[in-house]
Amino acid sequence: MGAVPINLHRPIPDGFVIKQVRVISKASGWYTQLILQCDLCVPNIILQGLSIDIYMGLEKFLALSNGKLVKRPPFILNFEF
């Protein structure tokens, strides 16, 4: 394939190693995707408080995982067909 010019959008951070390069052909041109690896230690997070899931729906605005339903606020338009 040979040498290919690159438009590096941002520098590769120190400590990162390129593990894989993916070459993609689209109608607008050729692109590459760099897969990087870094040995990183992520600290354990101590959870505090109560967490809930939030689901947005059509009949009710929000349905929370604790069973509470929230009505649609008046500022959201209601489109009916």
PDB file of N, CA and C in Angstrom:
ATOM      1  N   MET A   1       0.824  -1.183   0.000  1.00  0.00           N
ATOM      2  CA  MET A   1       0.000   0.000   0.000  1.00  0.00           C
ATOM      3  C   MET A   1       0.871   1.251   0.000  1.00  0.00           C
ATOM      4  N   GLY A   2       1.938   1.251   0.780  1.00  0.00           N
ATOM      5  CA  GLY A   2       2.853   2.382   0.771  1.00  0.00           C
ATOM      6  C   GLY A   2       2.478   3.459   1.771  1.00  0.00           C
ATOM      7  N   ALA A   3       3.149   4.579   1.666  1.00  0.00           N
ATOM      8  CA  ALA A   3       2.918   5.693   2.577  1.00  0.00           C
ATOM      9  C   ALA A   3       1.612   6.402   2.234  1.00  0.00           C
ATOM     10  N   VAL A   4       0.895   6.787   3.261  1.00  0.00           N
ATOM     11  CA  VAL A   4      -0.391   7.466   3.095  1.00  0.00           C
ATOM     12  C   VAL A   4      -0.342   8.760   3.913  1.00  0.00           C
ATOM     13  N   PRO A   5      -0.724   9.906   3.334  1.00  0.00           N
ATOM     14  CA  PRO A   5      -0.751  11.138   4.122  1.00  0.00           C
ATOM     15  C   PRO A   5      -1.855  11.063   5.180  1.00  0.00           C
ATOM     16  N   ILE A   6      -1.636  11.752   6.298  1.00  0.00           N
ATOM     17  CA  ILE A   6      -2.600  11.691   7.399  1.00  0.00           C
ATOM     18  C   ILE A   6      -2.946  13.099   7.853  1.00  0.00           C
ATOM     19  N   ASN A   7      -4.186  13.298   8.207  1.00  0.00           N
ATOM     20  CA  ASN A   7      -4.656  14.534   8.819  1.00  0.00           C
ATOM     21  C   ASN A   7      -4.984  14.183  10.265  1.00  0.00           C
ATOM     22  N   LEU A   8      -3.997  14.308  11.152  1.00  0.00           N
ATOM     23  CA  LEU A   8      -4.151  13.936  12.552  1.00  0.00           C
ATOM     24  C   LEU A   8      -4.924  15.046  13.258  1.00  0.00           C
ATOM     25  N   HIS A   9      -6.167  14.763  13.641  1.00  0.00           N
ATOM     26  CA  HIS A   9      -7.045  15.772  14.243  1.00  0.00           C
ATOM     27  C   HIS A   9      -6.561  16.221  15.617  1.00  0.00           C
ATOM     28  N   ARG A  10      -5.993  15.285  16.373  1.00  0.00           N
ATOM     29  CA  ARG A  10      -5.440  15.610  17.690  1.00  0.00           C
ATOM     30  C   ARG A  10      -4.260  14.677  17.950  1.00  0.00           C
ATOM     31  N   PRO A  11      -3.309  15.122  18.734  1.00  0.00           N
ATOM     32  CA  PRO A  11      -2.119  14.294  18.963  1.00  0.00           C
ATOM     33  C   PRO A  11      -2.459  13.044  19.776  1.00  0.00           C
ATOM     34  N   ILE A  12      -1.655  12.008  19.572  1.00  0.00           N
ATOM     35  CA  ILE A  12      -1.817  10.784  20.356  1.00  0.00           C
ATOM     36  C   ILE A  12      -1.220  11.054  21.731  1.00  0.00           C
ATOM     37  N   PRO A  13      -2.009  10.860  22.806  1.00  0.00           N
ATOM     38  CA  PRO A  13      -1.525  11.175  24.161  1.00  0.00           C
ATOM     39  C   PRO A  13      -0.320  10.323  24.554  1.00  0.00           C
ATOM     40  N   ASP A  14       0.512  10.854  25.440  1.00  0.00           N
ATOM     41  CA  ASP A  14       1.651  10.114  25.952  1.00  0.00           C
ATOM     42  C   ASP A  14       1.170   8.862  26.679  1.00  0.00           C
ATOM     43  N   GLY A  15       1.880   7.771  26.504  1.00  0.00           N
ATOM     44  CA  GLY A  15       1.526   6.531  27.174  1.00  0.00           C
ATOM     45  C   GLY A  15       0.584   5.649  26.382  1.00  0.00           C
ATOM     46  N   PHE A  16       0.047   6.140  25.266  1.00  0.00           N
ATOM     47  CA  PHE A  16      -0.852   5.352  24.440  1.00  0.00           C
ATOM     48  C   PHE A  16      -0.062   4.695  23.310  1.00  0.00           C
ATOM     49  N   VAL A  17      -0.465   3.494  22.933  1.00  0.00           N
ATOM     50  CA  VAL A  17       0.193   2.733  21.884  1.00  0.00           C
ATOM     51  C   VAL A  17      -0.840   2.410  20.811  1.00  0.00           C
ATOM     52  N   ILE A  18      -0.499   2.593  19.551  1.00  0.00           N
ATOM     53  CA  ILE A  18      -1.401   2.228  18.458  1.00  0.00           C
ATOM     54  C   ILE A  18      -1.414   0.704  18.345  1.00  0.00           C
ATOM     55  N   LYS A  19      -2.582   0.102  18.531  1.00  0.00           N
ATOM     56  CA  LYS A  19      -2.710  -1.347  18.485  1.00  0.00           C
ATOM     57  C   LYS A  19      -3.276  -1.832  17.156  1.00  0.00           C
ATOM     58  N   GLN A  20      -4.065  -1.003  16.497  1.00  0.00           N
ATOM     59  CA  GLN A  20      -4.711  -1.430  15.254  1.00  0.00           C
ATOM     60  C   GLN A  20      -5.030  -0.198  14.416  1.00  0.00           C
ATOM     61  N   VAL A  21      -4.947  -0.350  13.104  1.00  0.00           N
ATOM     62  CA  VAL A  21      -5.324   0.721  12.178  1.00  0.00           C
ATOM     63  C   VAL A  21      -6.359   0.144  11.230  1.00  0.00           C
ATOM     64  N   ARG A  22      -7.474   0.812  11.095  1.00  0.00           N
ATOM     65  CA  ARG A  22      -8.549   0.383  10.207  1.00  0.00           C
ATOM     66  C   ARG A  22      -8.653   1.393   9.066  1.00  0.00           C
ATOM     67  N   VAL A  23      -8.595   0.917   7.839  1.00  0.00           N
ATOM     68  CA  VAL A  23      -8.704   1.778   6.660  1.00  0.00           C
ATOM     69  C   VAL A  23     -10.106   1.620   6.094  1.00  0.00           C
ATOM     70  N   ILE A  24     -10.794   2.753   5.902  1.00  0.00           N
ATOM     71  CA  ILE A  24     -12.197   2.752   5.480  1.00  0.00           C
ATOM     72  C   ILE A  24     -12.320   3.549   4.183  1.00  0.00           C
ATOM     73  N   SER A  25     -13.028   2.990   3.202  1.00  0.00           N
ATOM     74  CA  SER A  25     -13.295   3.680   1.949  1.00  0.00           C
ATOM     75  C   SER A  25     -14.757   4.102   1.914  1.00  0.00           C
ATOM     76  N   LYS A  26     -14.998   5.398   1.790  1.00  0.00           N
ATOM     77  CA  LYS A  26     -16.357   5.938   1.670  1.00  0.00           C
ATOM     78  C   LYS A  26     -16.428   6.736   0.372  1.00  0.00           C
ATOM     79  N   ALA A  27     -17.609   7.141   0.009  1.00  0.00           N
ATOM     80  CA  ALA A  27     -17.784   7.915  -1.215  1.00  0.00           C
ATOM     81  C   ALA A  27     -17.031   9.240  -1.151  1.00  0.00           C
ATOM     82  N   SER A  28     -16.874   9.791   0.059  1.00  0.00           N
ATOM     83  CA  SER A  28     -16.200  11.085   0.203  1.00  0.00           C
ATOM     84  C   SER A  28     -14.683  10.958   0.316  1.00  0.00           C
ATOM     85  N   GLY A  29     -14.162   9.736   0.378  1.00  0.00           N
ATOM     86  CA  GLY A  29     -12.716   9.564   0.434  1.00  0.00           C
ATOM     87  C   GLY A  29     -12.303   8.407   1.318  1.00  0.00           C
ATOM     88  N   TRP A  30     -11.005   8.309   1.556  1.00  0.00           N
ATOM     89  CA  TRP A  30     -10.428   7.273   2.396  1.00  0.00           C
ATOM     90  C   TRP A  30     -10.211   7.815   3.798  1.00  0.00           C
ATOM     91  N   TYR A  31     -10.488   6.982   4.798  1.00  0.00           N
ATOM     92  CA  TYR A  31     -10.352   7.377   6.197  1.00  0.00           C
ATOM     93  C   TYR A  31      -9.642   6.263   6.961  1.00  0.00           C
ATOM     94  N   THR A  32      -8.989   6.631   8.063  1.00  0.00           N
ATOM     95  CA  THR A  32      -8.378   5.637   8.935  1.00  0.00           C
ATOM     96  C   THR A  32      -8.902   5.823  10.349  1.00  0.00           C
ATOM     97  N   GLN A  33      -8.964   4.712  11.052  1.00  0.00           N
ATOM     98  CA  GLN A  33      -9.383   4.717  12.447  1.00  0.00           C
ATOM     99  C   GLN A  33      -8.248   4.080  13.241  1.00  0.00           C
ATOM    100  N   LEU A  34      -7.720   4.805  14.219  1.00  0.00           N
ATOM    101  CA  LEU A  34      -6.640   4.303  15.044  1.00  0.00           C
ATOM    102  C   LEU A  34      -7.213   3.746  16.343  1.00  0.00           C
ATOM    103  N   ILE A  35      -6.850   2.510  16.678  1.00  0.00           N
ATOM    104  CA  ILE A  35      -7.262   1.900  17.928  1.00  0.00           C
ATOM    105  C   ILE A  35      -6.076   1.999  18.874  1.00  0.00           C
ATOM    106  N   LEU A  36      -6.260   2.658  20.011  1.00  0.00           N
ATOM    107  CA  LEU A  36      -5.181   2.910  20.956  1.00  0.00           C
ATOM    108  C   LEU A  36      -5.353   2.076  22.218  1.00  0.00           C
ATOM    109  N   GLN A  37      -4.223   1.818  22.898  1.00  0.00           N
ATOM    110  CA  GLN A  37      -4.257   1.100  24.163  1.00  0.00           C
ATOM    111  C   GLN A  37      -3.409   1.848  25.168  1.00  0.00           C
ATOM    112  N   CYS A  38      -3.880   1.874  26.405  1.00  0.00           N
ATOM    113  CA  CYS A  38      -3.137   2.510  27.479  1.00  0.00           C
ATOM    114  C   CYS A  38      -3.368   1.694  28.745  1.00  0.00           C
ATOM    115  N   ASP A  39      -2.291   1.425  29.468  1.00  0.00           N
ATOM    116  CA  ASP A  39      -2.434   0.759  30.762  1.00  0.00           C
ATOM    117  C   ASP A  39      -2.871   1.806  31.765  1.00  0.00           C
ATOM    118  N   LEU A  40      -4.097   1.683  32.219  1.00  0.00           N
ATOM    119  CA  LEU A  40      -4.696   2.701  33.065  1.00  0.00           C
ATOM    120  C   LEU A  40      -5.334   2.039  34.263  1.00  0.00           C
ATOM    121  N   CYS A  41      -5.136   2.578  35.413  1.00  0.00           N
ATOM    122  CA  CYS A  41      -5.754   2.074  36.630  1.00  0.00           C
ATOM    123  C   CYS A  41      -6.966   2.952  36.947  1.00  0.00           C
ATOM    124  N   VAL A  42      -8.135   2.369  36.906  1.00  0.00           N
ATOM    125  CA  VAL A  42      -9.356   3.102  37.219  1.00  0.00           C
ATOM    126  C   VAL A  42      -9.714   2.826  38.676  1.00  0.00           C
ATOM    127  N   PRO A  43      -9.819   3.855  39.502  1.00  0.00           N
ATOM    128  CA  PRO A  43     -10.124   3.627  40.912  1.00  0.00           C
ATOM    129  C   PRO A  43     -11.566   3.142  41.093  1.00  0.00           C
ATOM    130  N   ASN A  44     -11.765   2.350  42.147  1.00  0.00           N
ATOM    131  CA  ASN A  44     -13.121   1.913  42.475  1.00  0.00           C
ATOM    132  C   ASN A  44     -13.910   3.106  42.985  1.00  0.00           C
ATOM    133  N   ILE A  45     -15.123   3.252  42.485  1.00  0.00           N
ATOM    134  CA  ILE A  45     -15.973   4.368  42.875  1.00  0.00           C
ATOM    135  C   ILE A  45     -16.890   3.904  43.999  1.00  0.00           C
ATOM    136  N   ILE A  46     -16.934   4.665  45.057  1.00  0.00           N
ATOM    137  CA  ILE A  46     -17.841   4.358  46.165  1.00  0.00           C
ATOM    138  C   ILE A  46     -19.160   5.069  45.875  1.00  0.00           C
ATOM    139  N   LEU A  47     -20.207   4.273  45.651  1.00  0.00           N
ATOM    140  CA  LEU A  47     -21.514   4.845  45.334  1.00  0.00           C
ATOM    141  C   LEU A  47     -22.144   5.430  46.586  1.00  0.00           C
ATOM    142  N   GLN A  48     -22.748   6.589  46.425  1.00  0.00           N
ATOM    143  CA  GLN A  48     -23.411   7.246  47.537  1.00  0.00           C
ATOM    144  C   GLN A  48     -24.819   7.605  47.118  1.00  0.00           C
ATOM    145  N   GLY A  49     -25.747   7.491  48.014  1.00  0.00           N
ATOM    146  CA  GLY A  49     -27.119   7.863  47.727  1.00  0.00           C
ATOM    147  C   GLY A  49     -27.870   6.766  47.003  1.00  0.00           C
ATOM    148  N   LEU A  50     -29.025   7.104  46.478  1.00  0.00           N
ATOM    149  CA  LEU A  50     -29.901   6.157  45.809  1.00  0.00           C
ATOM    150  C   LEU A  50     -29.927   6.478  44.321  1.00  0.00           C
ATOM    151  N   SER A  51     -29.721   5.473  43.492  1.00  0.00           N
ATOM    152  CA  SER A  51     -29.785   5.698  42.054  1.00  0.00           C
ATOM    153  C   SER A  51     -31.087   5.113  41.514  1.00  0.00           C
ATOM    154  N   ILE A  52     -31.614   5.754  40.469  1.00  0.00           N
ATOM    155  CA  ILE A  52     -32.847   5.280  39.844  1.00  0.00           C
ATOM    156  C   ILE A  52     -32.666   5.304  38.329  1.00  0.00           C
ATOM    157  N   ASP A  53     -33.456   4.488  37.639  1.00  0.00           N
ATOM    158  CA  ASP A  53     -33.489   4.513  36.182  1.00  0.00           C
ATOM    159  C   ASP A  53     -34.614   5.423  35.746  1.00  0.00           C
ATOM    160  N   ILE A  54     -34.425   6.109  34.629  1.00  0.00           N
ATOM    161  CA  ILE A  54     -35.441   7.011  34.095  1.00  0.00           C
ATOM    162  C   ILE A  54     -35.753   6.592  32.665  1.00  0.00           C
ATOM    163  N   TYR A  55     -37.012   6.388  32.360  1.00  0.00           N
ATOM    164  CA  TYR A  55     -37.457   6.014  31.022  1.00  0.00           C
ATOM    165  C   TYR A  55     -38.421   7.084  30.520  1.00  0.00           C
ATOM    166  N   MET A  56     -38.217   7.552  29.296  1.00  0.00           N
ATOM    167  CA  MET A  56     -39.128   8.518  28.704  1.00  0.00           C
ATOM    168  C   MET A  56     -40.124   7.759  27.838  1.00  0.00           C
ATOM    169  N   GLY A  57     -41.384   8.142  27.940  1.00  0.00           N
ATOM    170  CA  GLY A  57     -42.411   7.428  27.209  1.00  0.00           C
ATOM    171  C   GLY A  57     -43.354   8.352  26.474  1.00  0.00           C
ATOM    172  N   LEU A  58     -44.367   7.761  25.853  1.00  0.00           N
ATOM    173  CA  LEU A  58     -45.342   8.529  25.089  1.00  0.00           C
ATOM    174  C   LEU A  58     -46.557   8.907  25.922  1.00  0.00           C
ATOM    175  N   GLU A  59     -47.078   7.983  26.709  1.00  0.00           N
ATOM    176  CA  GLU A  59     -48.267   8.285  27.508  1.00  0.00           C
ATOM    177  C   GLU A  59     -47.913   9.108  28.736  1.00  0.00           C
ATOM    178  N   LYS A  60     -46.857   8.736  29.419  1.00  0.00           N
ATOM    179  CA  LYS A  60     -46.360   9.499  30.559  1.00  0.00           C
ATOM    180  C   LYS A  60     -45.002  10.056  30.164  1.00  0.00           C
ATOM    181  N   PHE A  61     -44.640  11.216  30.678  1.00  0.00           N
ATOM    182  CA  PHE A  61     -43.375  11.845  30.324  1.00  0.00           C
ATOM    183  C   PHE A  61     -42.200  11.013  30.823  1.00  0.00           C
ATOM    184  N   LEU A  62     -42.237  10.626  32.091  1.00  0.00           N
ATOM    185  CA  LEU A  62     -41.174   9.822  32.678  1.00  0.00           C
ATOM    186  C   LEU A  62     -41.763   8.688  33.492  1.00  0.00           C
ATOM    187  N   ALA A  63     -41.107   7.551  33.451  1.00  0.00           N
ATOM    188  CA  ALA A  63     -41.415   6.431  34.336  1.00  0.00           C
ATOM    189  C   ALA A  63     -40.120   6.085  35.046  1.00  0.00           C
ATOM    190  N   LEU A  64     -40.112   6.217  36.372  1.00  0.00           N
ATOM    191  CA  LEU A  64     -38.914   5.953  37.153  1.00  0.00           C
ATOM    192  C   LEU A  64     -38.913   4.508  37.631  1.00  0.00           C
ATOM    193  N   SER A  65     -37.722   3.975  37.896  1.00  0.00           N
ATOM    194  CA  SER A  65     -37.613   2.580  38.313  1.00  0.00           C
ATOM    195  C   SER A  65     -38.194   2.341  39.697  1.00  0.00           C
ATOM    196  N   ASN A  66     -38.446   3.403  40.459  1.00  0.00           N
ATOM    197  CA  ASN A  66     -39.059   3.232  41.768  1.00  0.00           C
ATOM    198  C   ASN A  66     -40.590   3.231  41.681  1.00  0.00           C
ATOM    199  N   GLY A  67     -41.139   3.227  40.466  1.00  0.00           N
ATOM    200  CA  GLY A  67     -42.580   3.131  40.258  1.00  0.00           C
ATOM    201  C   GLY A  67     -43.295   4.463  40.089  1.00  0.00           C
ATOM    202  N   LYS A  68     -42.619   5.560  40.254  1.00  0.00           N
ATOM    203  CA  LYS A  68     -43.249   6.880  40.139  1.00  0.00           C
ATOM    204  C   LYS A  68     -43.405   7.253  38.664  1.00  0.00           C
ATOM    205  N   LEU A  69     -44.588   7.757  38.298  1.00  0.00           N
ATOM    206  CA  LEU A  69     -44.865   8.237  36.944  1.00  0.00           C
ATOM    207  C   LEU A  69     -44.955   9.754  36.978  1.00  0.00           C
ATOM    208  N   VAL A  70     -44.354  10.418  36.001  1.00  0.00           N
ATOM    209  CA  VAL A  70     -44.349  11.871  35.942  1.00  0.00           C
ATOM    210  C   VAL A  70     -45.152  12.294  34.728  1.00  0.00           C
ATOM    211  N   LYS A  71     -46.108  13.231  34.940  1.00  0.00           N
ATOM    212  CA  LYS A  71     -46.929  13.722  33.832  1.00  0.00           C
ATOM    213  C   LYS A  71     -46.093  14.588  32.895  1.00  0.00           C
ATOM    214  N   ARG A  72     -46.574  14.736  31.671  1.00  0.00           N
ATOM    215  CA  ARG A  72     -45.928  15.570  30.671  1.00  0.00           C
ATOM    216  C   ARG A  72     -46.034  17.034  31.082  1.00  0.00           C
ATOM    217  N   PRO A  73     -44.909  17.774  31.103  1.00  0.00           N
ATOM    218  CA  PRO A  73     -44.973  19.201  31.422  1.00  0.00           C
ATOM    219  C   PRO A  73     -45.721  19.959  30.320  1.00  0.00           C
ATOM    220  N   PRO A  74     -46.311  21.100  30.635  1.00  0.00           N
ATOM    221  CA  PRO A  74     -47.102  21.833  29.647  1.00  0.00           C
ATOM    222  C   PRO A  74     -46.288  22.419  28.491  1.00  0.00           C
ATOM    223  N   PHE A  75     -44.972  22.574  28.637  1.00  0.00           N
ATOM    224  CA  PHE A  75     -44.184  23.202  27.579  1.00  0.00           C
ATOM    225  C   PHE A  75     -43.853  22.259  26.450  1.00  0.00           C
ATOM    226  N   ILE A  76     -44.125  20.972  26.588  1.00  0.00           N
ATOM    227  CA  ILE A  76     -43.877  20.027  25.500  1.00  0.00           C
ATOM    228  C   ILE A  76     -45.118  19.948  24.638  1.00  0.00           C
ATOM    229  N   LEU A  77     -44.933  20.117  23.334  1.00  0.00           N
ATOM    230  CA  LEU A  77     -46.054  20.106  22.417  1.00  0.00           C
ATOM    231  C   LEU A  77     -46.631  18.710  22.289  1.00  0.00           C
ATOM    232  N   ASN A  78     -47.925  18.653  22.109  1.00  0.00           N
ATOM    233  CA  ASN A  78     -48.609  17.381  21.951  1.00  0.00           C
ATOM    234  C   ASN A  78     -49.043  17.270  20.490  1.00  0.00           C
ATOM    235  N   PHE A  79     -48.386  16.446  19.716  1.00  0.00           N
ATOM    236  CA  PHE A  79     -48.734  16.255  18.317  1.00  0.00           C
ATOM    237  C   PHE A  79     -49.612  15.015  18.207  1.00  0.00           C
ATOM    238  N   GLU A  80     -50.812  15.182  17.702  1.00  0.00           N
ATOM    239  CA  GLU A  80     -51.700  14.049  17.482  1.00  0.00           C
ATOM    240  C   GLU A  80     -52.045  14.003  16.007  1.00  0.00           C
ATOM    241  N   PHE A  81     -52.020  12.808  15.441  1.00  0.00           N
ATOM    242  CA  PHE A  81     -52.326  12.647  14.022  1.00  0.00           C
ATOM    243  C   PHE A  81     -53.614  11.889  13.862  1.00  0.00           C
TER     244      PHE A  81
END
